[in-house]
PDB file of N, CA and C in Angstrom:
ATOM      1  N   UNK A   1      28.933 -11.183  -3.084  1.00  0.00           N
ATOM      2  CA  UNK A   1      28.148 -10.299  -3.922  1.00  0.00           C
ATOM      3  C   UNK A   1      29.092  -9.280  -4.530  1.00  0.00           C
ATOM      4  N   UNK A   2      28.883  -8.962  -5.798  1.00  0.00           N
ATOM      5  CA  UNK A   2      29.689  -7.963  -6.483  1.00  0.00           C
ATOM      6  C   UNK A   2      29.329  -6.561  -6.039  1.00  0.00           C
ATOM      7  N   UNK A   3      30.153  -5.638  -6.434  1.00  0.00           N
ATOM      8  CA  UNK A   3      29.921  -4.253  -6.039  1.00  0.00           C
ATOM      9  C   UNK A   3      30.058  -3.352  -7.258  1.00  0.00           C
ATOM     10  N   UNK A   4      29.159  -2.385  -7.381  1.00  0.00           N
ATOM     11  CA  UNK A   4      29.179  -1.406  -8.461  1.00  0.00           C
ATOM     12  C   UNK A   4      29.222  -0.025  -7.822  1.00  0.00           C
ATOM     13  N   UNK A   5      30.057   0.824  -8.351  1.00  0.00           N
ATOM     14  CA  UNK A   5      30.149   2.193  -7.848  1.00  0.00           C
ATOM     15  C   UNK A   5      29.543   3.118  -8.897  1.00  0.00           C
ATOM     16  N   UNK A   6      28.619   3.958  -8.471  1.00  0.00           N
ATOM     17  CA  UNK A   6      27.975   4.921  -9.368  1.00  0.00           C
ATOM     18  C   UNK A   6      28.444   6.326  -9.031  1.00  0.00           C
ATOM     19  N   UNK A   7      28.628   7.119 -10.060  1.00  0.00           N
ATOM     20  CA  UNK A   7      28.909   8.534  -9.873  1.00  0.00           C
ATOM     21  C   UNK A   7      27.728   9.289 -10.468  1.00  0.00           C
ATOM     22  N   UNK A   8      27.014  10.007  -9.619  1.00  0.00           N
ATOM     23  CA  UNK A   8      25.812  10.725 -10.049  1.00  0.00           C
ATOM     24  C   UNK A   8      25.944  12.202  -9.743  1.00  0.00           C
ATOM     25  N   UNK A   9      25.246  13.007 -10.540  1.00  0.00           N
ATOM     26  CA  UNK A   9      25.211  14.441 -10.278  1.00  0.00           C
ATOM     27  C   UNK A   9      24.464  14.711  -8.983  1.00  0.00           C
ATOM     28  N   UNK A  10      24.785  15.829  -8.361  1.00  0.00           N
ATOM     29  CA  UNK A  10      24.128  16.189  -7.103  1.00  0.00           C
ATOM     30  C   UNK A  10      22.620  16.319  -7.279  1.00  0.00           C
ATOM     31  N   UNK A  11      22.179  16.841  -8.438  1.00  0.00           N
ATOM     32  CA  UNK A  11      20.742  16.990  -8.688  1.00  0.00           C
ATOM     33  C   UNK A  11      20.062  15.621  -8.760  1.00  0.00           C
ATOM     34  N   UNK A  12      20.744  14.658  -9.375  1.00  0.00           N
ATOM     35  CA  UNK A  12      20.189  13.316  -9.491  1.00  0.00           C
ATOM     36  C   UNK A  12      20.072  12.670  -8.112  1.00  0.00           C
ATOM     37  N   UNK A  13      21.104  12.825  -7.304  1.00  0.00           N
ATOM     38  CA  UNK A  13      21.074  12.275  -5.952  1.00  0.00           C
ATOM     39  C   UNK A  13      19.968  12.933  -5.140  1.00  0.00           C
ATOM     40  N   UNK A  14      19.819  14.255  -5.283  1.00  0.00           N
ATOM     41  CA  UNK A  14      18.761  14.966  -4.555  1.00  0.00           C
ATOM     42  C   UNK A  14      17.385  14.468  -4.991  1.00  0.00           C
ATOM     43  N   UNK A  15      17.205  14.224  -6.292  1.00  0.00           N
ATOM     44  CA  UNK A  15      15.923  13.723  -6.799  1.00  0.00           C
ATOM     45  C   UNK A  15      15.647  12.308  -6.268  1.00  0.00           C
ATOM     46  N   UNK A  16      16.672  11.465  -6.270  1.00  0.00           N
ATOM     47  CA  UNK A  16      16.506  10.103  -5.739  1.00  0.00           C
ATOM     48  C   UNK A  16      16.211  10.127  -4.249  1.00  0.00           C
ATOM     49  N   UNK A  17      16.862  11.016  -3.523  1.00  0.00           N
ATOM     50  CA  UNK A  17      16.624  11.140  -2.078  1.00  0.00           C
ATOM     51  C   UNK A  17      15.185  11.608  -1.827  1.00  0.00           C
ATOM     52  N   UNK A  18      14.701  12.520  -2.684  1.00  0.00           N
ATOM     53  CA  UNK A  18      13.323  12.998  -2.563  1.00  0.00           C
ATOM     54  C   UNK A  18      12.336  11.848  -2.811  1.00  0.00           C
ATOM     55  N   UNK A  19      12.617  11.018  -3.830  1.00  0.00           N
ATOM     56  CA  UNK A  19      11.779   9.839  -4.096  1.00  0.00           C
ATOM     57  C   UNK A  19      11.792   8.883  -2.907  1.00  0.00           C
ATOM     58  N   UNK A  20      12.973   8.679  -2.328  1.00  0.00           N
ATOM     59  CA  UNK A  20      13.122   7.794  -1.176  1.00  0.00           C
ATOM     60  C   UNK A  20      12.313   8.316   0.008  1.00  0.00           C
ATOM     61  N   UNK A  21      12.428   9.620   0.272  1.00  0.00           N
ATOM     62  CA  UNK A  21      11.685  10.221   1.385  1.00  0.00           C
ATOM     63  C   UNK A  21      10.174  10.093   1.173  1.00  0.00           C
ATOM     64  N   UNK A  22       9.727  10.279  -0.071  1.00  0.00           N
ATOM     65  CA  UNK A  22       8.296  10.147  -0.376  1.00  0.00           C
ATOM     66  C   UNK A  22       7.843   8.697  -0.181  1.00  0.00           C
ATOM     67  N   UNK A  23       8.679   7.746  -0.606  1.00  0.00           N
ATOM     68  CA  UNK A  23       8.366   6.324  -0.421  1.00  0.00           C
ATOM     69  C   UNK A  23       8.215   6.004   1.062  1.00  0.00           C
ATOM     70  N   UNK A  24       9.143   6.503   1.875  1.00  0.00           N
ATOM     71  CA  UNK A  24       9.063   6.254   3.319  1.00  0.00           C
ATOM     72  C   UNK A  24       7.832   6.910   3.932  1.00  0.00           C
ATOM     73  N   UNK A  25       7.554   8.146   3.518  1.00  0.00           N
ATOM     74  CA  UNK A  25       6.410   8.872   4.081  1.00  0.00           C
ATOM     75  C   UNK A  25       5.101   8.143   3.791  1.00  0.00           C
ATOM     76  N   UNK A  26       4.908   7.721   2.557  1.00  0.00           N
ATOM     77  CA  UNK A  26       3.681   7.007   2.182  1.00  0.00           C
ATOM     78  C   UNK A  26       3.612   5.653   2.885  1.00  0.00           C
ATOM     79  N   UNK A  27       4.728   4.931   2.896  1.00  0.00           N
ATOM     80  CA  UNK A  27       4.752   3.605   3.523  1.00  0.00           C
ATOM     81  C   UNK A  27       4.448   3.689   5.014  1.00  0.00           C
ATOM     82  N   UNK A  28       5.032   4.657   5.691  1.00  0.00           N
ATOM     83  CA  UNK A  28       4.807   4.795   7.127  1.00  0.00           C
ATOM     84  C   UNK A  28       3.409   5.312   7.443  1.00  0.00           C
ATOM     85  N   UNK A  29       2.840   6.085   6.522  1.00  0.00           N
ATOM     86  CA  UNK A  29       1.469   6.556   6.729  1.00  0.00           C
ATOM     87  C   UNK A  29       0.497   5.382   6.623  1.00  0.00           C
ATOM     88  N   UNK A  30       0.747   4.480   5.659  1.00  0.00           N
ATOM     89  CA  UNK A  30      -0.111   3.312   5.488  1.00  0.00           C
ATOM     90  C   UNK A  30       0.117   2.276   6.576  1.00  0.00           C
ATOM     91  N   UNK A  31       1.371   2.164   7.028  1.00  0.00           N
ATOM     92  CA  UNK A  31       1.724   1.145   8.022  1.00  0.00           C
ATOM     93  C   UNK A  31       2.783   1.723   8.956  1.00  0.00           C
ATOM     94  N   UNK A  32       2.374   2.235  10.122  1.00  0.00           N
ATOM     95  CA  UNK A  32       3.329   2.856  11.039  1.00  0.00           C
ATOM     96  C   UNK A  32       4.461   1.926  11.494  1.00  0.00           C
ATOM     97  N   UNK A  33       4.281   0.623  11.352  1.00  0.00           N
ATOM     98  CA  UNK A  33       5.320  -0.327  11.754  1.00  0.00           C
ATOM     99  C   UNK A  33       6.149  -0.811  10.570  1.00  0.00           C
ATOM    100  N   UNK A  34       6.028  -0.130   9.426  1.00  0.00           N
ATOM    101  CA  UNK A  34       6.763  -0.488   8.214  1.00  0.00           C
ATOM    102  C   UNK A  34       8.268  -0.470   8.498  1.00  0.00           C
ATOM    103  N   UNK A  35       8.953  -1.545   8.126  1.00  0.00           N
ATOM    104  CA  UNK A  35      10.402  -1.621   8.303  1.00  0.00           C
ATOM    105  C   UNK A  35      11.056  -0.841   7.174  1.00  0.00           C
ATOM    106  N   UNK A  36      11.662   0.281   7.519  1.00  0.00           N
ATOM    107  CA  UNK A  36      12.215   1.156   6.487  1.00  0.00           C
ATOM    108  C   UNK A  36      13.524   0.597   5.939  1.00  0.00           C
ATOM    109  N   UNK A  37      13.641   0.573   4.603  1.00  0.00           N
ATOM    110  CA  UNK A  37      14.876   0.097   3.983  1.00  0.00           C
ATOM    111  C   UNK A  37      15.949   1.188   4.017  1.00  0.00           C
ATOM    112  N   UNK A  38      17.164   0.788   3.745  1.00  0.00           N
ATOM    113  CA  UNK A  38      18.234   1.787   3.625  1.00  0.00           C
ATOM    114  C   UNK A  38      18.107   2.474   2.268  1.00  0.00           C
ATOM    115  N   UNK A  39      18.743   3.616   2.136  1.00  0.00           N
ATOM    116  CA  UNK A  39      18.734   4.338   0.868  1.00  0.00           C
ATOM    117  C   UNK A  39      19.381   3.480  -0.221  1.00  0.00           C
ATOM    118  N   UNK A  40      20.434   2.740   0.138  1.00  0.00           N
ATOM    119  CA  UNK A  40      21.114   1.870  -0.821  1.00  0.00           C
ATOM    120  C   UNK A  40      20.191   0.754  -1.309  1.00  0.00           C
ATOM    121  N   UNK A  41      19.409   0.168  -0.404  1.00  0.00           N
ATOM    122  CA  UNK A  41      18.447  -0.863  -0.816  1.00  0.00           C
ATOM    123  C   UNK A  41      17.385  -0.282  -1.740  1.00  0.00           C
ATOM    124  N   UNK A  42      16.959   0.949  -1.448  1.00  0.00           N
ATOM    125  CA  UNK A  42      15.983   1.631  -2.296  1.00  0.00           C
ATOM    126  C   UNK A  42      16.560   1.840  -3.699  1.00  0.00           C
ATOM    127  N   UNK A  43      17.809   2.295  -3.772  1.00  0.00           N
ATOM    128  CA  UNK A  43      18.452   2.502  -5.076  1.00  0.00           C
ATOM    129  C   UNK A  43      18.588   1.191  -5.839  1.00  0.00           C
ATOM    130  N   UNK A  44      18.961   0.122  -5.137  1.00  0.00           N
ATOM    131  CA  UNK A  44      19.089  -1.192  -5.773  1.00  0.00           C
ATOM    132  C   UNK A  44      17.744  -1.625  -6.351  1.00  0.00           C
ATOM    133  N   UNK A  45      16.675  -1.419  -5.604  1.00  0.00           N
ATOM    134  CA  UNK A  45      15.338  -1.794  -6.080  1.00  0.00           C
ATOM    135  C   UNK A  45      14.953  -0.969  -7.304  1.00  0.00           C
ATOM    136  N   UNK A  46      15.287   0.312  -7.292  1.00  0.00           N
ATOM    137  CA  UNK A  46      14.966   1.155  -8.459  1.00  0.00           C
ATOM    138  C   UNK A  46      15.770   0.726  -9.682  1.00  0.00           C
ATOM    139  N   UNK A  47      17.042   0.419  -9.482  1.00  0.00           N
ATOM    140  CA  UNK A  47      17.876  -0.019 -10.608  1.00  0.00           C
ATOM    141  C   UNK A  47      17.377  -1.334 -11.194  1.00  0.00           C
ATOM    142  N   UNK A  48      16.915  -2.237 -10.337  1.00  0.00           N
ATOM    143  CA  UNK A  48      16.415  -3.526 -10.799  1.00  0.00           C
ATOM    144  C   UNK A  48      14.953  -3.456 -11.231  1.00  0.00           C
ATOM    145  N   UNK A  49      14.326  -2.284 -11.032  1.00  0.00           N
ATOM    146  CA  UNK A  49      12.906  -2.085 -11.338  1.00  0.00           C
ATOM    147  C   UNK A  49      12.065  -3.140 -10.630  1.00  0.00           C
ATOM    148  N   UNK A  50      12.377  -3.346  -9.340  1.00  0.00           N
ATOM    149  CA  UNK A  50      11.674  -4.348  -8.547  1.00  0.00           C
ATOM    150  C   UNK A  50      11.586  -3.863  -7.105  1.00  0.00           C
ATOM    151  N   UNK A  51      10.426  -3.304  -6.735  1.00  0.00           N
ATOM    152  CA  UNK A  51      10.243  -2.775  -5.385  1.00  0.00           C
ATOM    153  C   UNK A  51       9.734  -3.838  -4.409  1.00  0.00           C
ATOM    154  N   UNK A  52       9.477  -5.060  -4.893  1.00  0.00           N
ATOM    155  CA  UNK A  52       8.916  -6.118  -4.054  1.00  0.00           C
ATOM    156  C   UNK A  52       9.738  -6.373  -2.782  1.00  0.00           C
ATOM    157  N   UNK A  53      11.078  -6.502  -2.880  1.00  0.00           N
ATOM    158  CA  UNK A  53      11.821  -6.766  -1.641  1.00  0.00           C
ATOM    159  C   UNK A  53      11.631  -5.689  -0.575  1.00  0.00           C
ATOM    160  N   UNK A  54      11.324  -4.462  -0.977  1.00  0.00           N
ATOM    161  CA  UNK A  54      11.155  -3.379  -0.017  1.00  0.00           C
ATOM    162  C   UNK A  54       9.821  -3.454   0.713  1.00  0.00           C
ATOM    163  N   UNK A  55       8.817  -4.039   0.088  1.00  0.00           N
ATOM    164  CA  UNK A  55       7.469  -4.049   0.671  1.00  0.00           C
ATOM    165  C   UNK A  55       6.990  -5.441   1.073  1.00  0.00           C
ATOM    166  N   UNK A  56       7.777  -6.457   0.753  1.00  0.00           N
ATOM    167  CA  UNK A  56       7.351  -7.836   0.990  1.00  0.00           C
ATOM    168  C   UNK A  56       7.005  -8.098   2.459  1.00  0.00           C
ATOM    169  N   UNK A  57       7.830  -7.637   3.377  1.00  0.00           N
ATOM    170  CA  UNK A  57       7.594  -7.864   4.802  1.00  0.00           C
ATOM    171  C   UNK A  57       6.300  -7.181   5.252  1.00  0.00           C
ATOM    172  N   UNK A  58       6.082  -5.940   4.786  1.00  0.00           N
ATOM    173  CA  UNK A  58       4.869  -5.204   5.174  1.00  0.00           C
ATOM    174  C   UNK A  58       3.619  -5.909   4.668  1.00  0.00           C
ATOM    175  N   UNK A  59       3.647  -6.402   3.435  1.00  0.00           N
ATOM    176  CA  UNK A  59       2.495  -7.099   2.875  1.00  0.00           C
ATOM    177  C   UNK A  59       2.246  -8.399   3.636  1.00  0.00           C
ATOM    178  N   UNK A  60       3.311  -9.114   3.957  1.00  0.00           N
ATOM    179  CA  UNK A  60       3.166 -10.359   4.717  1.00  0.00           C
ATOM    180  C   UNK A  60       2.515 -10.098   6.072  1.00  0.00           C
ATOM    181  N   UNK A  61       2.954  -9.029   6.753  1.00  0.00           N
ATOM    182  CA  UNK A  61       2.382  -8.699   8.060  1.00  0.00           C
ATOM    183  C   UNK A  61       0.909  -8.317   7.930  1.00  0.00           C
ATOM    184  N   UNK A  62       0.557  -7.589   6.850  1.00  0.00           N
ATOM    185  CA  UNK A  62      -0.832  -7.202   6.641  1.00  0.00           C
ATOM    186  C   UNK A  62      -1.709  -8.432   6.411  1.00  0.00           C
ATOM    187  N   UNK A  63      -1.200  -9.398   5.625  1.00  0.00           N
ATOM    188  CA  UNK A  63      -1.975 -10.605   5.359  1.00  0.00           C
ATOM    189  C   UNK A  63      -2.185 -11.427   6.623  1.00  0.00           C
ATOM    190  N   UNK A  64      -1.201 -11.421   7.514  1.00  0.00           N
ATOM    191  CA  UNK A  64      -1.318 -12.181   8.748  1.00  0.00           C
ATOM    192  C   UNK A  64      -2.071 -11.409   9.822  1.00  0.00           C
ATOM    193  N   UNK A  65      -2.189 -10.101   9.642  1.00  0.00           N
ATOM    194  CA  UNK A  65      -2.824  -9.264  10.653  1.00  0.00           C
ATOM    195  C   UNK A  65      -4.316  -9.129  10.466  1.00  0.00           C
ATOM    196  N   UNK A  66      -4.906  -8.229  11.212  1.00  0.00           N
ATOM    197  CA  UNK A  66      -6.343  -8.061  11.240  1.00  0.00           C
ATOM    198  C   UNK A  66      -6.953  -7.384  10.038  1.00  0.00           C
ATOM    199  N   UNK A  67      -6.205  -6.495   9.354  1.00  0.00           N
ATOM    200  CA  UNK A  67      -6.819  -5.742   8.263  1.00  0.00           C
ATOM    201  C   UNK A  67      -7.338  -6.666   7.165  1.00  0.00           C
ATOM    202  N   UNK A  68      -6.498  -7.563   6.703  1.00  0.00           N
ATOM    203  CA  UNK A  68      -6.893  -8.455   5.623  1.00  0.00           C
ATOM    204  C   UNK A  68      -7.989  -9.417   6.088  1.00  0.00           C
ATOM    205  N   UNK A  69      -7.836  -9.919   7.290  1.00  0.00           N
ATOM    206  CA  UNK A  69      -8.833 -10.862   7.815  1.00  0.00           C
ATOM    207  C   UNK A  69     -10.196 -10.195   7.900  1.00  0.00           C
ATOM    208  N   UNK A  70     -10.238  -8.935   8.350  1.00  0.00           N
ATOM    209  CA  UNK A  70     -11.518  -8.218   8.448  1.00  0.00           C
ATOM    210  C   UNK A  70     -12.129  -8.032   7.067  1.00  0.00           C
ATOM    211  N   UNK A  71     -11.331  -7.591   6.095  1.00  0.00           N
ATOM    212  CA  UNK A  71     -11.859  -7.369   4.746  1.00  0.00           C
ATOM    213  C   UNK A  71     -12.354  -8.677   4.133  1.00  0.00           C
ATOM    214  N   UNK A  72     -11.590  -9.735   4.286  1.00  0.00           N
ATOM    215  CA  UNK A  72     -11.994 -11.024   3.723  1.00  0.00           C
ATOM    216  C   UNK A  72     -13.281 -11.521   4.371  1.00  0.00           C
ATOM    217  N   UNK A  73     -13.387 -11.417   5.686  1.00  0.00           N
ATOM    218  CA  UNK A  73     -14.593 -11.868   6.392  1.00  0.00           C
ATOM    219  C   UNK A  73     -15.792 -11.041   5.938  1.00  0.00           C
ATOM    220  N   UNK A  74     -15.605  -9.739   5.812  1.00  0.00           N
ATOM    221  CA  UNK A  74     -16.699  -8.869   5.388  1.00  0.00           C
ATOM    222  C   UNK A  74     -17.179  -9.241   4.000  1.00  0.00           C
ATOM    223  N   UNK A  75     -16.243  -9.433   3.077  1.00  0.00           N
ATOM    224  CA  UNK A  75     -16.641  -9.741   1.704  1.00  0.00           C
ATOM    225  C   UNK A  75     -17.195 -11.154   1.577  1.00  0.00           C
ATOM    226  N   UNK A  76     -16.654 -12.090   2.333  1.00  0.00           N
ATOM    227  CA  UNK A  76     -17.109 -13.484   2.219  1.00  0.00           C
ATOM    228  C   UNK A  76     -18.439 -13.741   2.921  1.00  0.00           C
ATOM    229  N   UNK A  77     -18.612 -13.181   4.119  1.00  0.00           N
ATOM    230  CA  UNK A  77     -19.768 -13.560   4.928  1.00  0.00           C
ATOM    231  C   UNK A  77     -20.752 -12.429   5.163  1.00  0.00           C
ATOM    232  N   UNK A  78     -20.265 -11.232   5.351  1.00  0.00           N
ATOM    233  CA  UNK A  78     -21.138 -10.150   5.781  1.00  0.00           C
ATOM    234  C   UNK A  78     -21.503  -9.188   4.660  1.00  0.00           C
ATOM    235  N   UNK A  79     -21.076  -9.470   3.430  1.00  0.00           N
ATOM    236  CA  UNK A  79     -21.331  -8.530   2.346  1.00  0.00           C
ATOM    237  C   UNK A  79     -22.818  -8.236   2.134  1.00  0.00           C
ATOM    238  N   UNK A  80     -23.699  -9.247   2.142  1.00  0.00           N
ATOM    239  CA  UNK A  80     -25.132  -8.934   1.985  1.00  0.00           C
ATOM    240  C   UNK A  80     -25.635  -7.988   3.076  1.00  0.00           C
ATOM    241  N   UNK A  81     -25.141  -8.149   4.306  1.00  0.00           N
ATOM    242  CA  UNK A  81     -25.533  -7.252   5.386  1.00  0.00           C
ATOM    243  C   UNK A  81     -25.051  -5.827   5.118  1.00  0.00           C
ATOM    244  N   UNK A  82     -23.836  -5.702   4.588  1.00  0.00           N
ATOM    245  CA  UNK A  82     -23.284  -4.377   4.283  1.00  0.00           C
ATOM    246  C   UNK A  82     -24.125  -3.701   3.211  1.00  0.00           C
ATOM    247  N   UNK A  83     -24.512  -4.443   2.185  1.00  0.00           N
ATOM    248  CA  UNK A  83     -25.348  -3.887   1.116  1.00  0.00           C
ATOM    249  C   UNK A  83     -26.706  -3.472   1.669  1.00  0.00           C
ATOM    250  N   UNK A  84     -27.286  -4.285   2.524  1.00  0.00           N
ATOM    251  CA  UNK A  84     -28.587  -3.952   3.118  1.00  0.00           C
ATOM    252  C   UNK A  84     -28.493  -2.666   3.945  1.00  0.00           C
ATOM    253  N   UNK A  85     -27.427  -2.522   4.702  1.00  0.00           N
ATOM    254  CA  UNK A  85     -27.235  -1.304   5.504  1.00  0.00           C
ATOM    255  C   UNK A  85     -27.097  -0.087   4.596  1.00  0.00           C
ATOM    256  N   UNK A  86     -26.318  -0.223   3.536  1.00  0.00           N
ATOM    257  CA  UNK A  86     -26.148   0.900   2.601  1.00  0.00           C
ATOM    258  C   UNK A  86     -27.474   1.289   1.950  1.00  0.00           C
ATOM    259  N   UNK A  87     -28.259   0.300   1.557  1.00  0.00           N
ATOM    260  CA  UNK A  87     -29.547   0.588   0.932  1.00  0.00           C
ATOM    261  C   UNK A  87     -30.489   1.267   1.927  1.00  0.00           C
ATOM    262  N   UNK A  88     -30.502   0.805   3.162  1.00  0.00           N
ATOM    263  CA  UNK A  88     -31.357   1.392   4.188  1.00  0.00           C
ATOM    264  C   UNK A  88     -30.938   2.841   4.471  1.00  0.00           C
ATOM    265  N   UNK A  89     -29.633   3.077   4.594  1.00  0.00           N
ATOM    266  CA  UNK A  89     -29.168   4.435   4.871  1.00  0.00           C
ATOM    267  C   UNK A  89     -29.399   5.355   3.671  1.00  0.00           C
ATOM    268  N   UNK A  90     -29.239   4.826   2.462  1.00  0.00           N
ATOM    269  CA  UNK A  90     -29.500   5.634   1.273  1.00  0.00           C
ATOM    270  C   UNK A  90     -30.960   6.062   1.228  1.00  0.00           C
ATOM    271  N   UNK A  91     -31.858   5.164   1.590  1.00  0.00           N
ATOM    272  CA  UNK A  91     -33.284   5.461   1.593  1.00  0.00           C
ATOM    273  C   UNK A  91     -33.606   6.575   2.589  1.00  0.00           C
ATOM    274  N   UNK A  92     -32.921   6.607   3.721  1.00  0.00           N
ATOM    275  CA  UNK A  92     -33.150   7.660   4.721  1.00  0.00           C
ATOM    276  C   UNK A  92     -32.829   9.052   4.185  1.00  0.00           C
ATOM    277  N   UNK A  93     -31.925   9.114   3.193  1.00  0.00           N
ATOM    278  CA  UNK A  93     -31.536  10.404   2.614  1.00  0.00           C
ATOM    279  C   UNK A  93     -32.112  10.600   1.222  1.00  0.00           C
ATOM    280  N   UNK A  94     -33.217   9.907   0.945  1.00  0.00           N
ATOM    281  CA  UNK A  94     -33.964  10.043  -0.308  1.00  0.00           C
ATOM    282  C   UNK A  94     -33.187   9.552  -1.534  1.00  0.00           C
ATOM    283  N   UNK A  95     -32.314   8.595  -1.347  1.00  0.00           N
ATOM    284  CA  UNK A  95     -31.648   7.957  -2.456  1.00  0.00           C
ATOM    285  C   UNK A  95     -32.172   6.541  -2.581  1.00  0.00           C
ATOM    286  N   UNK A  96     -32.054   5.978  -3.742  1.00  0.00           N
ATOM    287  CA  UNK A  96     -32.505   4.606  -3.930  1.00  0.00           C
ATOM    288  C   UNK A  96     -31.685   3.917  -4.991  1.00  0.00           C
ATOM    289  N   UNK A  97     -31.920   2.646  -5.136  1.00  0.00           N
ATOM    290  CA  UNK A  97     -31.235   1.842  -6.127  1.00  0.00           C
ATOM    291  C   UNK A  97     -32.263   1.410  -7.178  1.00  0.00           C
ATOM    292  N   UNK A  98     -31.839   1.425  -8.418  1.00  0.00           N
ATOM    293  CA  UNK A  98     -32.692   0.949  -9.492  1.00  0.00           C
ATOM    294  C   UNK A  98     -31.972  -0.197 -10.205  1.00  0.00           C
ATOM    295  N   UNK A  99     -32.705  -1.226 -10.500  1.00  0.00           N
ATOM    296  CA  UNK A  99     -32.122  -2.378 -11.207  1.00  0.00           C
ATOM    297  C   UNK A  99     -32.876  -2.626 -12.475  1.00  0.00           C
ATOM    298  N   UNK A 100     -32.151  -3.022 -13.475  1.00  0.00           N
ATOM    299  CA  UNK A 100     -32.777  -3.290 -14.772  1.00  0.00           C
ATOM    300  C   UNK A 100     -32.252  -4.616 -15.280  1.00  0.00           C
ATOM    301  N   UNK A 101     -33.125  -5.455 -15.752  1.00  0.00           N
ATOM    302  CA  UNK A 101     -32.662  -6.757 -16.259  1.00  0.00           C
ATOM    303  C   UNK A 101     -32.250  -6.638 -17.715  1.00  0.00           C
TER     304      UNK A 101
END
């Protein structure tokens, strides 16, 4: 693999580091087991305008884990039940649904 050396101003590096820290904070908040990339990998992704390699593992784990399976099962099989529950609870608080053809 080739190598490129960049010379950046301190303000630019500080701004990129701030972006990196924010990316890690959000990623770890959404997925505490998120595999954090190195700062260099983050910079490479920004330069290539492609963040997929940084999040690909996390998305794969989510698809194989319970979160996606629960959402898919709910939408595929239990959605009518969810709507019925929402309508029943809305009625308890004097709300209702109106439909028009």
